[in-house]
C-alpha atoms as a PDB file:
ATOM      1  CA  UNK A   1      35.310 -39.181  37.784  1.00  0.00           C
ATOM      2  CA  UNK A   2      31.207 -39.915  38.550  1.00  0.00           C
ATOM      3  CA  UNK A   3      30.443 -39.344  35.083  1.00  0.00           C
ATOM      4  CA  UNK A   4      32.950 -41.208  33.568  1.00  0.00           C
ATOM      5  CA  UNK A   5      31.062 -44.439  32.748  1.00  0.00           C
ATOM      6  CA  UNK A   6      27.755 -42.811  31.924  1.00  0.00           C
ATOM      7  CA  UNK A   7      30.145 -40.662  29.582  1.00  0.00           C
ATOM      8  CA  UNK A   8      31.385 -43.653  27.838  1.00  0.00           C
ATOM      9  CA  UNK A   9      27.860 -45.338  27.522  1.00  0.00           C
ATOM     10  CA  UNK A  10      26.360 -42.176  25.893  1.00  0.00           C
ATOM     11  CA  UNK A  11      29.131 -42.819  23.208  1.00  0.00           C
ATOM     12  CA  UNK A  12      28.721 -46.465  22.488  1.00  0.00           C
ATOM     13  CA  UNK A  13      24.538 -45.870  22.352  1.00  0.00           C
ATOM     14  CA  UNK A  14      25.139 -42.685  20.356  1.00  0.00           C
ATOM     15  CA  UNK A  15      21.829 -41.909  18.561  1.00  0.00           C
ATOM     16  CA  UNK A  16      22.853 -43.287  15.276  1.00  0.00           C
ATOM     17  CA  UNK A  17      23.283 -46.258  16.763  1.00  0.00           C
ATOM     18  CA  UNK A  18      19.946 -46.482  18.041  1.00  0.00           C
ATOM     19  CA  UNK A  19      18.554 -45.066  14.927  1.00  0.00           C
ATOM     20  CA  UNK A  20      20.288 -48.201  13.306  1.00  0.00           C
ATOM     21  CA  UNK A  21      18.294 -50.639  16.173  1.00  0.00           C
ATOM     22  CA  UNK A  22      15.053 -49.065  14.914  1.00  0.00           C
ATOM     23  CA  UNK A  23      15.662 -49.695  11.287  1.00  0.00           C
ATOM     24  CA  UNK A  24      16.068 -53.654  11.686  1.00  0.00           C
ATOM     25  CA  UNK A  25      12.027 -53.264  11.136  1.00  0.00           C
ATOM     26  CA  UNK A  26      13.040 -53.118   7.105  1.00  0.00           C
ATOM     27  CA  UNK A  27      14.436 -56.623   7.053  1.00  0.00           C
ATOM     28  CA  UNK A  28      11.653 -58.996   8.657  1.00  0.00           C
ATOM     29  CA  UNK A  29      12.186 -62.670   8.735  1.00  0.00           C
ATOM     30  CA  UNK A  30       9.908 -64.963   7.456  1.00  0.00           C
ATOM     31  CA  UNK A  31       9.309 -68.523   6.822  1.00  0.00           C
ATOM     32  CA  UNK A  32      10.523 -68.537   3.049  1.00  0.00           C
ATOM     33  CA  UNK A  33      14.215 -67.516   3.258  1.00  0.00           C
ATOM     34  CA  UNK A  34      15.898 -70.556   1.502  1.00  0.00           C
ATOM     35  CA  UNK A  35      19.396 -70.121   4.154  1.00  0.00           C
ATOM     36  CA  UNK A  36      18.900 -69.530   7.686  1.00  0.00           C
ATOM     37  CA  UNK A  37      21.002 -69.175  10.547  1.00  0.00           C
ATOM     38  CA  UNK A  38      21.009 -68.388  14.557  1.00  0.00           C
ATOM     39  CA  UNK A  39      23.534 -67.187  17.048  1.00  0.00           C
ATOM     40  CA  UNK A  40      23.712 -66.218  20.542  1.00  0.00           C
ATOM     41  CA  UNK A  41      25.968 -63.936  22.191  1.00  0.00           C
ATOM     42  CA  UNK A  42      27.544 -65.922  24.924  1.00  0.00           C
ATOM     43  CA  UNK A  43      28.325 -62.885  27.125  1.00  0.00           C
ATOM     44  CA  UNK A  44      24.805 -61.331  27.010  1.00  0.00           C
ATOM     45  CA  UNK A  45      22.221 -63.576  25.739  1.00  0.00           C
ATOM     46  CA  UNK A  46      21.152 -61.697  22.630  1.00  0.00           C
ATOM     47  CA  UNK A  47      20.033 -64.043  20.163  1.00  0.00           C
ATOM     48  CA  UNK A  48      19.274 -63.627  16.288  1.00  0.00           C
ATOM     49  CA  UNK A  49      17.425 -65.412  13.622  1.00  0.00           C
ATOM     50  CA  UNK A  50      18.630 -64.749  10.135  1.00  0.00           C
ATOM     51  CA  UNK A  51      17.702 -65.875   6.553  1.00  0.00           C
ATOM     52  CA  UNK A  52      18.939 -65.267   2.939  1.00  0.00           C
ATOM     53  CA  UNK A  53      17.879 -65.509  -0.668  1.00  0.00           C
ATOM     54  CA  UNK A  54      20.589 -65.919  -3.091  1.00  0.00           C
ATOM     55  CA  UNK A  55      20.194 -64.646  -6.841  1.00  0.00           C
ATOM     56  CA  UNK A  56      21.296 -66.996  -9.837  1.00  0.00           C
ATOM     57  CA  UNK A  57      25.009 -65.654  -9.233  1.00  0.00           C
ATOM     58  CA  UNK A  58      25.090 -66.844  -5.743  1.00  0.00           C
ATOM     59  CA  UNK A  59      25.146 -62.900  -4.261  1.00  0.00           C
ATOM     60  CA  UNK A  60      22.969 -62.063  -1.259  1.00  0.00           C
ATOM     61  CA  UNK A  61      19.576 -60.975  -3.164  1.00  0.00           C
ATOM     62  CA  UNK A  62      17.600 -60.832   0.200  1.00  0.00           C
ATOM     63  CA  UNK A  63      17.804 -61.570   4.227  1.00  0.00           C
ATOM     64  CA  UNK A  64      15.671 -60.658   7.288  1.00  0.00           C
ATOM     65  CA  UNK A  65      16.043 -60.957  11.008  1.00  0.00           C
ATOM     66  CA  UNK A  66      14.522 -61.405  13.973  1.00  0.00           C
ATOM     67  CA  UNK A  67      17.315 -59.768  16.817  1.00  0.00           C
ATOM     68  CA  UNK A  68      16.463 -59.825  20.342  1.00  0.00           C
ATOM     69  CA  UNK A  69      19.648 -57.835  21.615  1.00  0.00           C
ATOM     70  CA  UNK A  70      20.785 -54.843  22.959  1.00  0.00           C
ATOM     71  CA  UNK A  71      21.522 -51.203  20.732  1.00  0.00           C
ATOM     72  CA  UNK A  72      24.959 -52.537  20.213  1.00  0.00           C
ATOM     73  CA  UNK A  73      23.667 -56.309  18.758  1.00  0.00           C
ATOM     74  CA  UNK A  74      20.839 -54.605  16.980  1.00  0.00           C
ATOM     75  CA  UNK A  75      22.862 -51.719  15.684  1.00  0.00           C
ATOM     76  CA  UNK A  76      25.268 -54.627  13.955  1.00  0.00           C
ATOM     77  CA  UNK A  77      22.651 -56.261  12.223  1.00  0.00           C
ATOM     78  CA  UNK A  78      21.066 -53.624  11.119  1.00  0.00           C
ATOM     79  CA  UNK A  79      24.430 -52.530   9.566  1.00  0.00           C
ATOM     80  CA  UNK A  80      25.292 -56.073   8.088  1.00  0.00           C
ATOM     81  CA  UNK A  81      21.702 -56.142   6.619  1.00  0.00           C
ATOM     82  CA  UNK A  82      21.972 -52.666   5.565  1.00  0.00           C
ATOM     83  CA  UNK A  83      25.146 -53.842   3.313  1.00  0.00           C
ATOM     84  CA  UNK A  84      24.732 -57.303   2.601  1.00  0.00           C
ATOM     85  CA  UNK A  85      22.304 -57.264  -0.860  1.00  0.00           C
ATOM     86  CA  UNK A  86      25.061 -58.336  -3.726  1.00  0.00           C
ATOM     87  CA  UNK A  87      27.790 -59.579  -1.676  1.00  0.00           C
ATOM     88  CA  UNK A  88      28.927 -63.033  -2.137  1.00  0.00           C
ATOM     89  CA  UNK A  89      29.204 -65.443   0.508  1.00  0.00           C
ATOM     90  CA  UNK A  90      33.094 -64.717   0.271  1.00  0.00           C
ATOM     91  CA  UNK A  91      32.977 -61.053   0.684  1.00  0.00           C
ATOM     92  CA  UNK A  92      30.703 -61.948   4.331  1.00  0.00           C
ATOM     93  CA  UNK A  93      33.070 -63.924   5.584  1.00  0.00           C
ATOM     94  CA  UNK A  94      35.841 -61.828   4.480  1.00  0.00           C
ATOM     95  CA  UNK A  95      33.845 -58.537   6.335  1.00  0.00           C
ATOM     96  CA  UNK A  96      33.237 -61.014   9.446  1.00  0.00           C
ATOM     97  CA  UNK A  97      36.639 -61.709   9.822  1.00  0.00           C
ATOM     98  CA  UNK A  98      37.897 -58.399   9.532  1.00  0.00           C
ATOM     99  CA  UNK A  99      35.439 -57.318  12.680  1.00  0.00           C
ATOM    100  CA  UNK A 100      36.498 -59.643  14.564  1.00  0.00           C
ATOM    101  CA  UNK A 101      40.212 -59.334  14.012  1.00  0.00           C
ATOM    102  CA  UNK A 102      39.630 -55.143  14.826  1.00  0.00           C
ATOM    103  CA  UNK A 103      37.073 -55.679  18.083  1.00  0.00           C
ATOM    104  CA  UNK A 104      40.640 -58.284  18.975  1.00  0.00           C
ATOM    105  CA  UNK A 105      42.852 -55.169  18.649  1.00  0.00           C
ATOM    106  CA  UNK A 106      44.205 -56.199  15.195  1.00  0.00           C
ATOM    107  CA  UNK A 107      43.751 -54.216  11.543  1.00  0.00           C
ATOM    108  CA  UNK A 108      41.161 -51.968  10.826  1.00  0.00           C
ATOM    109  CA  UNK A 109      37.347 -51.862  10.741  1.00  0.00           C
ATOM    110  CA  UNK A 110      36.198 -53.935   7.269  1.00  0.00           C
ATOM    111  CA  UNK A 111      35.022 -51.832   4.158  1.00  0.00           C
ATOM    112  CA  UNK A 112      31.089 -51.903   5.122  1.00  0.00           C
ATOM    113  CA  UNK A 113      28.689 -49.692   4.960  1.00  0.00           C
ATOM    114  CA  UNK A 114      27.903 -47.739   8.253  1.00  0.00           C
ATOM    115  CA  UNK A 115      30.123 -50.100   9.862  1.00  0.00           C
ATOM    116  CA  UNK A 116      32.374 -47.083  11.588  1.00  0.00           C
ATOM    117  CA  UNK A 117      28.622 -46.307  14.005  1.00  0.00           C
ATOM    118  CA  UNK A 118      30.435 -49.478  15.640  1.00  0.00           C
ATOM    119  CA  UNK A 119      33.853 -48.333  16.474  1.00  0.00           C
ATOM    120  CA  UNK A 120      32.859 -47.187  20.089  1.00  0.00           C
ATOM    121  CA  UNK A 121      31.731 -50.386  21.178  1.00  0.00           C
ATOM    122  CA  UNK A 122      35.483 -51.646  20.635  1.00  0.00           C
ATOM    123  CA  UNK A 123      36.307 -50.181  24.292  1.00  0.00           C
ATOM    124  CA  UNK A 124      33.582 -52.214  25.941  1.00  0.00           C
ATOM    125  CA  UNK A 125      34.246 -55.916  25.942  1.00  0.00           C
ATOM    126  CA  UNK A 126      30.852 -57.069  27.641  1.00  0.00           C
ATOM    127  CA  UNK A 127      29.697 -56.068  24.052  1.00  0.00           C
ATOM    128  CA  UNK A 128      32.090 -57.895  21.780  1.00  0.00           C
ATOM    129  CA  UNK A 129      29.400 -61.047  22.154  1.00  0.00           C
ATOM    130  CA  UNK A 130      26.563 -59.163  20.527  1.00  0.00           C
ATOM    131  CA  UNK A 131      28.419 -56.649  18.016  1.00  0.00           C
ATOM    132  CA  UNK A 132      29.773 -60.293  16.245  1.00  0.00           C
ATOM    133  CA  UNK A 133      26.605 -62.384  16.455  1.00  0.00           C
ATOM    134  CA  UNK A 134      24.743 -61.318  13.916  1.00  0.00           C
ATOM    135  CA  UNK A 135      28.184 -61.699  11.589  1.00  0.00           C
ATOM    136  CA  UNK A 136      28.592 -65.641  12.591  1.00  0.00           C
ATOM    137  CA  UNK A 137      24.867 -66.066  12.429  1.00  0.00           C
ATOM    138  CA  UNK A 138      24.755 -65.027   8.469  1.00  0.00           C
ATOM    139  CA  UNK A 139      28.395 -66.971   8.262  1.00  0.00           C
ATOM    140  CA  UNK A 140      26.482 -70.024   9.664  1.00  0.00           C
ATOM    141  CA  UNK A 141      23.412 -69.554   6.909  1.00  0.00           C
ATOM    142  CA  UNK A 142      25.438 -69.467   4.506  1.00  0.00           C
END
């Protein structure tokens, strides 16, 4: 049974999640974003600064992030960034609410590209704060 924690960690930190974390370089945070937000996970101390620009139809046109978090927080941020272009603030809020309900054991994962990579984190309550942090920061910015 000594391999059980290592096995669970291996499922949590999958190659796909680690690759997502590396993709954050595609979303640099500069000082010219019209909307900005910040977040911090109380459970692990992870932090995020996030910026958005909206288009003329009030849809998200551009996103930038600066993330200091574990691979779960980084992966969650990358998933958010990868699927946010063209979404409205209402769509983002609905996805964030659905993700929070799912992590709490209610409902299904939201309809968001790549979100299934976060599924193993549900069994790790110590990572829930980092997983939700980017989504809450995004809501705060908008």
